[in-house]
């Protein structure tokens, strides 16, 4: 995305609730501390996506460890679709039991290595 006008359009597409302190991760439904917030493009930027949502850093990294950008663009364009992914659902059940500021290293799936 090049150009001043396209950058301005992308900034306008960012949700207004980004400045609030009580942001909740739409995947794991836990509060996100400011230090653990990552903006996730529902459709990857490489596929023309501009809409973002705030996720826990660990949830965001897990998405990219399990799914390719093409899969995200074609099948997982919505948070609800991400929740229904089998491996991600197992991860979400596990991470819901952790404190809000929990973070652990994420490894790429063998399928993507």
Protein backbone atom coordinates (compact mmCIF):
# COMPACT_ATOMS: atom_id res chain seq x y z
CA UNK A 1 0.00 0.00 0.00
CA UNK A 2 1.64 3.18 -1.17
CA UNK A 3 0.56 6.74 -1.12
CA UNK A 4 -0.76 9.24 1.38
CA UNK A 5 -4.45 8.64 0.62
CA UNK A 6 -4.26 4.85 1.02
CA UNK A 7 -2.36 5.24 4.31
CA UNK A 8 -5.09 7.61 5.54
CA UNK A 9 -7.80 5.12 4.54
CA UNK A 10 -5.97 2.37 6.43
CA UNK A 11 -5.75 4.55 9.54
CA UNK A 12 -9.48 5.24 9.37
CA UNK A 13 -10.17 1.48 9.22
CA UNK A 14 -8.44 0.89 12.58
CA UNK A 15 -11.01 0.45 15.38
CA UNK A 16 -11.55 3.46 17.63
CA UNK A 17 -11.47 1.35 20.81
CA UNK A 18 -7.72 0.86 20.44
CA UNK A 19 -6.98 3.56 23.05
CA UNK A 20 -9.11 1.98 25.78
CA UNK A 21 -7.40 0.14 28.61
CA UNK A 22 -10.06 -2.57 28.95
CA UNK A 23 -9.56 -4.30 25.60
CA UNK A 24 -10.70 -7.94 25.56
CA UNK A 25 -9.20 -10.54 23.24
CA UNK A 26 -11.98 -11.78 20.93
CA UNK A 27 -10.37 -15.24 20.77
CA UNK A 28 -9.60 -16.16 24.38
CA UNK A 29 -11.95 -13.57 25.94
CA UNK A 30 -9.36 -12.40 28.50
CA UNK A 31 -8.42 -8.76 29.14
CA UNK A 32 -5.33 -7.70 27.19
CA UNK A 33 -2.68 -5.72 29.10
CA UNK A 34 -1.22 -2.88 26.97
CA UNK A 35 2.17 -4.62 26.79
CA UNK A 36 0.60 -7.80 25.36
CA UNK A 37 -1.54 -6.25 22.56
CA UNK A 38 -0.95 -7.20 18.95
CA UNK A 39 -3.00 -5.93 16.02
CA UNK A 40 -4.06 -8.83 13.79
CA UNK A 41 -5.14 -8.23 10.20
CA UNK A 42 -8.17 -10.47 9.65
CA UNK A 43 -7.18 -10.63 5.98
CA UNK A 44 -3.36 -10.41 5.73
CA UNK A 45 -1.93 -7.18 4.35
CA UNK A 46 -0.25 -9.19 1.58
CA UNK A 47 -3.76 -10.12 0.39
CA UNK A 48 -5.13 -6.56 0.60
CA UNK A 49 -6.52 -6.61 4.14
CA UNK A 50 -6.83 -3.45 6.24
CA UNK A 51 -9.24 -4.37 9.06
CA UNK A 52 -7.51 -5.22 12.34
CA UNK A 53 -8.50 -6.54 15.76
CA UNK A 54 -6.52 -6.51 19.00
CA UNK A 55 -5.37 -9.93 20.22
CA UNK A 56 -3.13 -11.20 22.99
CA UNK A 57 0.39 -11.54 21.65
CA UNK A 58 0.39 -15.28 22.43
CA UNK A 59 -2.94 -15.79 20.59
CA UNK A 60 -1.70 -13.81 17.59
CA UNK A 61 1.53 -15.79 17.37
CA UNK A 62 -0.36 -19.07 17.66
CA UNK A 63 -2.56 -18.13 14.70
CA UNK A 64 0.49 -17.48 12.52
CA UNK A 65 2.22 -20.63 13.80
CA UNK A 66 -0.71 -22.79 12.66
CA UNK A 67 -2.03 -21.08 9.52
CA UNK A 68 -0.54 -19.67 6.34
CA UNK A 69 -1.47 -16.22 5.05
CA UNK A 70 -3.36 -17.81 2.16
CA UNK A 71 -5.44 -19.92 4.56
CA UNK A 72 -6.16 -16.83 6.66
CA UNK A 73 -7.26 -14.89 3.58
CA UNK A 74 -9.47 -17.66 2.16
CA UNK A 75 -10.97 -19.50 5.14
CA UNK A 76 -10.31 -17.63 8.39
CA UNK A 77 -11.34 -14.03 7.71
CA UNK A 78 -13.44 -13.82 10.89
CA UNK A 79 -12.72 -14.38 14.56
CA UNK A 80 -15.47 -17.00 14.75
CA UNK A 81 -13.84 -19.01 11.95
CA UNK A 82 -10.52 -18.88 13.82
CA UNK A 83 -12.19 -20.19 16.98
CA UNK A 84 -13.53 -23.19 15.06
CA UNK A 85 -10.10 -24.29 13.81
CA UNK A 86 -9.42 -27.59 15.64
CA UNK A 87 -5.81 -26.96 16.76
CA UNK A 88 -6.50 -23.35 17.67
CA UNK A 89 -9.54 -24.42 19.75
CA UNK A 90 -7.29 -26.73 21.81
CA UNK A 91 -4.85 -23.85 22.35
CA UNK A 92 -7.67 -21.47 23.37
CA UNK A 93 -9.02 -23.91 25.97
CA UNK A 94 -5.51 -24.13 27.44
CA UNK A 95 -4.70 -20.40 27.40
CA UNK A 96 -8.03 -19.39 28.99
CA UNK A 97 -6.75 -20.86 32.26
CA UNK A 98 -3.67 -18.60 32.26
CA UNK A 99 -3.34 -15.08 33.74
CA UNK A 100 -3.96 -12.11 31.41
CA UNK A 101 -0.26 -11.21 31.15
CA UNK A 102 0.89 -14.80 30.46
CA UNK A 103 3.29 -15.27 27.55
CA UNK A 104 5.20 -18.29 26.33
CA UNK A 105 7.27 -18.98 23.25
CA UNK A 106 5.30 -20.24 20.25
CA UNK A 107 6.62 -22.79 17.79
CA UNK A 108 5.64 -23.11 14.14
CA UNK A 109 3.56 -26.10 13.23
CA UNK A 110 5.50 -28.91 11.52
CA UNK A 111 3.17 -28.52 8.57
CA UNK A 112 4.44 -24.95 8.01
CA UNK A 113 8.16 -25.49 8.65
